[in-house]
Protein backbone atom coordinates (compact mmCIF):
# COMPACT_ATOMS: atom_id res chain seq x y z
CA MET A 1 120.43 105.50 111.95
CA GLN A 2 117.70 103.48 113.55
CA THR A 3 115.06 101.44 111.97
CA LYS A 4 111.26 101.32 112.76
CA GLN A 5 108.70 98.83 111.84
CA ILE A 6 105.77 100.14 109.63
CA HIS A 7 102.80 98.39 108.00
CA GLU A 8 101.47 98.89 104.43
CA GLY A 9 99.04 96.76 102.70
CA ALA A 10 99.46 93.34 103.73
CA ALA A 11 103.22 93.74 104.49
CA LYS A 12 105.49 94.72 107.58
CA VAL A 13 108.84 96.22 106.85
CA HIS A 14 111.94 97.84 108.54
CA ILE A 15 112.72 101.09 107.39
CA TYR A 16 115.15 103.82 108.35
CA GLU A 17 113.72 106.73 110.30
CA GLY A 18 114.39 110.40 109.23
CA LYS A 19 114.04 112.91 106.32
CA ILE A 20 113.92 111.20 102.94
CA THR A 21 116.84 111.98 100.70
CA LYS A 22 118.88 110.29 97.86
CA LYS A 23 121.49 109.88 100.57
CA ASP A 24 119.24 107.73 103.00
CA PRO A 25 121.05 104.24 103.71
CA VAL A 26 118.04 102.61 102.53
CA PHE A 27 115.44 104.68 100.26
CA PHE A 28 111.63 104.47 101.49
CA ASN A 29 109.02 106.83 100.43
CA PRO A 30 105.84 106.59 102.23
CA GLU A 31 104.31 109.19 99.56
CA MET A 32 104.63 106.34 97.00
CA LYS A 33 101.99 104.34 98.73
CA PHE A 34 99.43 105.13 96.26
CA ASN A 35 101.78 104.48 93.45
CA ARG A 36 102.48 100.90 95.02
CA ASP A 37 98.67 100.27 95.56
CA ILE A 38 97.56 101.02 91.98
CA SER A 39 100.44 99.03 90.85
CA ILE A 40 99.00 96.05 92.75
CA ALA A 41 95.46 96.77 91.48
CA CYS A 42 96.84 96.97 88.04
CA LEU A 43 98.60 93.33 88.41
CA LYS A 44 95.38 92.03 89.86
CA ALA A 45 93.47 93.29 86.70
CA VAL A 46 95.99 91.55 84.35
CA GLN A 47 95.42 88.46 86.76
CA MET A 48 91.81 88.26 85.43
CA ARG A 49 92.88 87.84 82.04
CA THR A 50 95.23 85.03 82.17
CA ASP A 51 96.15 81.97 84.70
CA GLU A 52 99.91 82.29 84.01
CA LYS A 53 102.03 82.36 87.03
CA MET A 54 104.07 85.63 87.03
CA ILE A 55 107.89 86.13 87.54
CA ILE A 56 108.54 89.64 88.39
CA CYS A 57 111.24 91.92 89.31
CA ASP A 58 111.45 94.66 91.41
CA LEU A 59 114.54 96.28 90.06
CA LEU A 60 115.34 99.09 92.73
CA SER A 61 113.84 97.74 95.58
CA GLY A 62 114.90 99.76 98.84
CA CYS A 63 113.64 98.27 101.84
CA GLY A 64 111.76 95.72 99.77
CA ILE A 65 108.10 96.79 100.36
CA ARG A 66 106.90 96.89 96.75
CA GLY A 67 108.26 93.32 95.76
CA ILE A 68 106.98 91.92 99.20
CA ARG A 69 103.71 93.59 98.77
CA TYR A 70 103.28 91.85 95.22
CA LEU A 71 104.08 88.54 96.61
CA LEU A 72 101.56 88.80 99.40
CA GLU A 73 98.64 90.51 97.66
CA VAL A 74 98.69 89.42 93.95
CA PRO A 75 97.89 85.73 93.93
CA SER A 76 99.34 85.06 90.31
CA VAL A 77 102.81 86.33 91.35
CA ASP A 78 104.87 83.06 91.95
CA TYR A 79 108.43 84.34 91.77
CA ALA A 80 109.90 87.96 92.85
CA LEU A 81 113.27 89.00 92.21
CA LEU A 82 114.07 92.04 94.82
CA ASN A 83 117.09 93.82 93.73
CA ASP A 84 119.19 96.91 95.16
CA ALA A 85 122.84 97.59 94.51
CA ASN A 86 123.07 99.05 98.04
CA PRO A 87 124.55 96.52 100.22
CA THR A 88 122.68 98.06 103.24
CA ALA A 89 119.37 97.85 101.52
CA PHE A 90 120.14 94.15 100.45
CA LYS A 91 120.56 93.31 104.06
CA ILE A 92 117.24 95.10 105.19
CA ILE A 93 115.37 93.34 102.04
CA LYS A 94 116.35 90.09 103.28
CA LYS A 95 115.47 90.86 106.85
CA ASN A 96 112.27 92.04 105.33
CA VAL A 97 111.62 88.96 103.53
CA GLU A 98 112.18 86.76 106.48
CA LEU A 99 109.80 89.03 108.61
CA ASN A 100 106.68 88.57 106.17
CA LYS A 101 107.66 84.68 105.72
CA VAL A 102 107.21 85.00 102.10
CA THR A 103 107.93 82.26 99.57
CA GLY A 104 109.03 82.75 96.11
CA ALA A 105 111.43 85.94 97.04
CA VAL A 106 114.98 86.01 95.76
CA CYS A 107 117.13 88.84 96.73
CA GLU A 108 120.05 90.22 94.80
CA HIS A 109 122.34 93.19 95.20
CA LEU A 110 123.32 93.94 91.86
CA GLU A 111 123.69 97.21 89.74
CA GLY A 112 120.32 97.41 87.79
CA ASN A 113 121.65 97.06 84.35
CA ILE A 114 123.68 94.39 85.06
CA LEU A 115 120.85 92.31 86.78
CA LEU A 116 118.49 92.86 83.63
CA SER A 117 121.31 91.72 81.21
CA MET A 118 121.56 88.61 82.90
CA HIS A 119 117.86 87.69 82.32
CA ASN A 120 116.95 87.96 78.74
CA ASN A 121 113.13 87.48 78.07
CA LYS A 122 112.85 86.33 81.56
CA PHE A 123 110.26 88.52 83.23
CA ASN A 124 106.39 88.87 83.09
CA PHE A 125 106.56 92.07 84.99
CA ILE A 126 109.66 94.61 85.59
CA ASP A 127 108.91 97.50 87.93
CA ILE A 128 111.33 100.41 87.82
CA ASP A 129 110.86 103.06 90.41
CA PRO A 130 114.16 105.02 90.71
CA PHE A 131 115.04 108.16 92.45
CA GLY A 132 115.16 110.33 89.33
CA SER A 133 114.74 109.08 85.68
CA PRO A 134 114.36 105.57 84.75
CA ALA A 135 116.21 106.14 81.43
CA PRO A 136 119.22 104.59 81.96
CA PHE A 137 117.45 100.96 82.53
CA LEU A 138 115.15 101.09 79.68
CA ASP A 139 117.10 99.39 77.11
CA ASN A 140 118.12 96.33 79.40
CA ALA A 141 114.45 96.31 80.74
CA ALA A 142 113.57 95.92 76.84
CA ARG A 143 115.39 92.90 76.26
CA ALA A 144 114.50 91.23 79.90
CA VAL A 145 110.80 91.73 79.56
CA ARG A 146 109.10 88.79 77.85
CA HIS A 147 106.47 88.85 75.28
CA ASN A 148 102.86 89.71 76.69
CA GLY A 149 104.98 91.00 79.74
CA LEU A 150 104.52 94.22 81.58
CA LEU A 151 106.52 97.45 82.40
CA GLY A 152 105.66 99.69 85.46
CA ILE A 153 107.95 102.68 85.07
CA THR A 154 108.08 105.64 87.42
CA ALA A 155 109.94 108.99 86.95
CA THR A 156 110.47 111.49 89.45
CA ASP A 157 112.45 113.91 87.37
CA LEU A 158 109.77 116.25 86.50
CA GLY A 159 111.50 119.14 85.76
CA PRO A 160 113.05 118.02 82.66
CA LEU A 161 109.84 116.15 81.44
CA ALA A 162 107.66 119.10 82.20
CA GLY A 163 109.48 121.81 80.44
CA THR A 164 111.63 123.53 83.33
CA TYR A 165 114.81 122.10 81.92
CA PRO A 166 114.25 121.11 78.24
CA LYS A 167 117.84 120.72 77.45
CA THR A 168 118.05 117.99 80.09
CA CYS A 169 114.97 116.25 78.55
CA LEU A 170 116.50 116.54 75.03
CA ARG A 171 119.56 114.88 76.29
CA ARG A 172 117.92 112.24 78.60
CA TYR A 173 114.63 111.50 76.32
CA GLY A 174 115.40 112.50 72.92
CA ALA A 175 112.53 115.14 73.12
CA MET A 176 111.99 118.89 73.65
CA SER A 177 109.53 119.53 76.58
CA LEU A 178 107.53 122.55 76.82
CA LYS A 179 106.21 124.30 79.93
CA THR A 180 102.29 124.75 79.57
CA ASP A 181 99.03 124.41 81.17
CA VAL A 182 99.23 120.73 80.38
CA MET A 183 102.96 120.35 80.75
CA HIS A 184 102.46 117.10 82.89
CA GLU A 185 100.41 115.23 80.35
CA THR A 186 103.16 116.38 77.84
CA GLY A 187 105.78 114.90 80.18
CA VAL A 188 103.89 111.82 80.56
CA ARG A 189 103.46 111.50 76.96
CA ILE A 190 107.24 112.18 76.19
CA LEU A 191 108.21 109.41 78.63
CA THR A 192 105.70 106.90 76.80
CA GLY A 193 107.17 108.00 73.74
CA HIS A 194 110.73 107.36 75.03
CA ILE A 195 109.63 103.84 76.23
CA ILE A 196 108.22 102.94 72.82
CA ARG A 197 111.00 104.02 70.85
CA THR A 198 113.62 102.00 73.11
CA LEU A 199 111.39 99.12 72.85
CA SER A 200 111.04 99.23 69.28
CA LYS A 201 114.66 98.80 68.71
CA TYR A 202 114.25 95.17 69.89
CA ASP A 203 111.27 94.65 67.67
CA LYS A 204 108.78 95.01 70.72
CA GLY A 205 105.76 97.14 70.74
CA PHE A 206 104.56 98.90 73.81
CA LEU A 207 100.87 99.38 74.61
CA PRO A 208 100.02 101.98 77.37
CA LEU A 209 97.44 100.86 79.68
CA LEU A 210 97.43 103.38 82.32
CA CYS A 211 99.63 106.41 82.29
CA PHE A 212 99.25 109.29 84.87
CA CYS A 213 100.70 112.13 86.72
CA SER A 214 100.41 111.94 91.02
CA ARG A 215 102.07 114.94 92.78
CA HIS A 216 105.87 114.44 92.45
CA TYR A 217 106.06 111.42 89.91
CA TYR A 218 104.77 109.98 86.63
CA ARG A 219 103.64 106.48 86.43
CA ILE A 220 103.66 104.36 83.22
CA PHE A 221 101.98 100.81 83.09
CA GLY A 222 101.90 99.04 79.76
CA LYS A 223 102.07 95.77 78.03
CA VAL A 224 105.09 94.56 75.73
CA LYS A 225 104.44 92.41 72.71
CA LYS A 226 107.32 90.83 70.67
CA SER A 227 106.01 91.90 67.43
CA ARG A 228 107.50 93.92 64.57
CA SER A 229 103.97 95.11 63.51
CA CYS A 230 102.89 96.05 67.01
CA ALA A 231 106.21 97.92 67.20
CA ASP A 232 105.59 99.87 63.92
CA ASN A 233 102.13 100.82 65.35
CA ALA A 234 103.53 102.09 68.40
CA VAL A 235 105.80 104.32 66.57
CA ALA A 236 103.51 105.17 64.17
CA ALA A 237 101.50 107.19 67.29
CA LEU A 238 104.43 109.35 67.79
CA GLY A 239 104.30 112.77 67.04
CA TYR A 240 104.41 116.31 68.37
CA LEU A 241 102.27 118.84 70.56
CA LEU A 242 101.70 121.98 68.90
CA TYR A 243 100.77 124.77 71.28
CA CYS A 244 100.08 128.34 70.62
CA ARG A 245 101.03 130.90 73.37
CA LYS A 246 98.92 133.60 72.06
CA CYS A 247 95.37 131.75 71.88
CA GLY A 248 95.99 128.74 73.73
CA LYS A 249 95.19 126.45 71.03
CA ARG A 250 96.98 123.02 70.95
CA LYS A 251 96.88 119.87 68.79
CA TYR A 252 99.12 117.02 67.68
CA SER A 253 100.86 116.80 64.65
CA LEU A 254 103.34 114.73 62.83
CA PHE A 255 105.34 118.00 62.44
CA ASN A 256 106.85 120.50 64.60
CA LYS A 257 106.56 123.73 62.60
CA GLU A 258 103.07 125.24 61.85
CA LEU A 259 101.32 128.46 61.82
CA CYS A 260 98.37 128.77 64.38
CA ALA A 261 95.03 130.28 62.67
CA CYS A 262 95.68 133.54 65.01
CA GLY A 263 99.05 134.09 62.91
CA ARG A 264 101.51 133.01 65.60
CA GLU A 265 103.89 130.17 65.04
CA TYR A 266 103.11 126.98 67.38
CA ASP A 267 105.61 126.11 70.10
CA TYR A 268 106.24 122.38 70.29
CA ALA A 269 107.02 119.32 72.38
CA GLY A 270 108.11 116.05 71.29
CA PRO A 271 108.64 113.49 69.78
CA LEU A 272 105.93 112.03 72.13
CA TYR A 273 103.39 109.48 72.15
CA THR A 274 99.82 111.01 70.81
CA GLY A 275 97.37 108.05 71.45
CA SER A 276 95.38 107.19 74.45
CA LEU A 277 96.94 107.09 77.63
CA ILE A 278 94.22 104.85 79.41
CA ASP A 279 93.27 101.33 78.05
CA ILE A 280 89.20 101.75 78.30
CA ASP A 281 88.67 97.89 78.86
CA PHE A 282 91.73 97.73 81.34
CA VAL A 283 90.63 100.39 83.60
CA GLN A 284 86.93 98.77 84.01
CA MET A 285 88.63 95.70 85.44
CA ILE A 286 90.79 97.57 88.15
CA GLU A 287 89.31 97.09 91.50
CA PRO A 288 89.91 100.03 93.87
CA MET A 289 91.11 99.42 97.27
CA ASP A 290 89.94 102.32 99.17
CA SER A 291 88.04 105.39 98.63
CA LYS A 292 91.04 107.52 97.25
CA MET A 293 91.73 104.88 94.88
CA GLU A 294 87.82 104.56 94.02
CA LYS A 295 87.57 108.06 93.02
CA PHE A 296 90.75 108.07 91.06
CA VAL A 297 89.56 105.18 88.96
CA ASP A 298 86.05 106.55 88.54
CA ILE A 299 87.84 109.81 86.62
CA LEU A 300 90.09 107.49 84.90
CA ARG A 301 87.09 105.45 83.34
CA GLU A 302 85.09 108.38 82.45
CA GLU A 303 88.11 110.00 80.71
CA SER A 304 89.07 106.84 78.84
CA LYS A 305 85.91 107.22 77.07
CA VAL A 306 86.76 110.66 75.56
CA ASP A 307 89.02 111.03 72.66
CA GLY A 308 90.00 114.59 73.12
CA LEU A 309 92.55 117.18 74.08
CA LEU A 310 93.25 118.19 77.59
CA TYR A 311 92.81 121.80 78.77
CA ASP A 312 93.20 123.64 82.10
CA ILE A 313 90.18 125.86 82.84
CA HIS A 314 92.24 128.47 84.71
CA GLU A 315 94.71 128.94 82.04
CA ILE A 316 91.68 129.41 79.58
CA CYS A 317 90.28 131.93 81.94
CA SER A 318 93.04 133.83 82.68
CA LEU A 319 94.15 133.89 79.08
CA ASN A 320 90.57 135.29 77.89
CA LYS A 321 90.16 137.34 81.00
CA LEU A 322 87.25 135.38 82.28
CA ASP A 323 85.97 134.14 85.67
CA THR A 324 86.98 130.70 86.41
CA LEU A 325 84.17 128.10 86.96
CA LYS A 326 83.75 124.69 88.27
CA ARG A 327 84.82 121.90 85.78
CA ASP A 328 81.83 119.76 86.43
CA TYR A 329 79.58 122.72 84.98
CA LEU A 330 81.82 122.89 81.89
CA VAL A 331 81.91 119.17 81.39
CA THR A 332 77.99 118.97 81.74
CA HIS A 333 77.59 121.83 79.43
CA LEU A 334 79.74 120.66 76.83
CA LYS A 335 77.98 117.08 76.74
CA GLU A 336 74.56 118.90 76.36
CA LYS A 337 75.98 120.53 73.39
CA GLY A 338 76.95 117.20 71.95
CA TYR A 339 80.77 116.98 72.89
CA SER A 340 82.67 114.12 74.64
CA ALA A 341 83.91 115.65 77.93
CA SER A 342 84.87 114.36 81.40
CA GLU A 343 87.27 115.43 84.29
CA SER A 344 90.81 114.60 83.97
CA ALA A 345 93.11 112.66 86.41
CA PHE A 346 95.74 115.26 85.44
CA GLY A 347 94.49 117.93 88.10
CA GLY A 348 91.44 119.45 89.63
CA HIS A 349 91.18 122.17 86.90
CA THR A 350 91.76 120.02 84.11
CA ILE A 351 89.12 118.70 81.60
CA ARG A 352 89.38 116.34 78.46
CA THR A 353 87.26 117.09 75.39
CA ASP A 354 86.76 116.81 71.73
CA ALA A 355 85.06 120.31 71.64
CA PRO A 356 86.96 122.96 69.96
CA LEU A 357 88.73 125.78 72.15
CA ASN A 358 86.33 128.51 70.84
CA THR A 359 83.22 126.36 71.81
CA ILE A 360 84.94 125.92 75.21
CA ILE A 361 85.43 129.73 75.71
CA LYS A 362 81.73 130.40 74.62
CA CYS A 363 80.61 127.92 77.41
CA ILE A 364 82.43 129.71 79.97
CA LYS A 365 81.15 133.15 78.65
CA LYS A 366 77.72 131.66 78.99
CA LYS A 367 78.11 130.69 82.51
CA GLU A 368 79.54 134.17 83.15
CA SER A 369 76.42 136.13 81.84
CA ILE A 370 74.12 134.17 83.81
């Protein structure tokens, strides 16, 4: 296959041309540009809190663009280990490092777990961006990340996490998934919960800073603290999502069996993380790179202020045979009634609010009668 040179951010890299598949000689996905952009913005936000130089690991580097961009665009990154087990990828990584004249880059071609197991408590930041599930790498990542370090975890196996293949999710993540109108938030919470449980085995706590879904992947960005009490607090935030198929009510609980007020037994997903997916102080420090990220970050900032549940307006309207409406109207009306509410980054029809479901339905009905 032929290569071509492309530009992204401050980097220029050689990539292989052709359709994106797992069998590509060197994997590069242009659709993950936003993932790379927001990750760089997150590292810059962390940089505002510390003067420490960062040692980072781009575990599954592909053509090397992610690690090279970290070195070029984040001043605090002093050293980056760019790794890929594929020998062809290793060659093109070295070629791209030379092309960009970056210093501080070390290229490796080891299986990911072998590399991580060689670097106990070394890295300030480990980025794991696999084609599929990150689960096989989490134990060794937990040992390789240092106290007050960071993990950036991507998952593209949305089928298991979002409820299409619940048995696979149970096998891979130790949790039951559930296909609902909020299945992607549930999937993100299952993945976050799995990260928390994995790190807690090593007396490390995981504090989510920014967790989101974008098209075909989930992205988790969080801080790691070597602390038994922090690990205990993180584990204490685990529980279950209870969801009623009859009336649409949902809530988080320590238990996975309960009857809904409408008389039907709740379905459940979990164990999963039940706390906030967005750190309110952290997202205030993110400086957007472009208008797309600015719109995304603005929604995150508003959503981070709401301690409430996620709802899909279309699903509520469908379940109650109501005409759908724009979410900005519903958010405004709920705020007028004294509730917290915001649009959500989990999709164009989703809102987050602390209002009860029956209040949301009444607001929609009121709009319908106008």
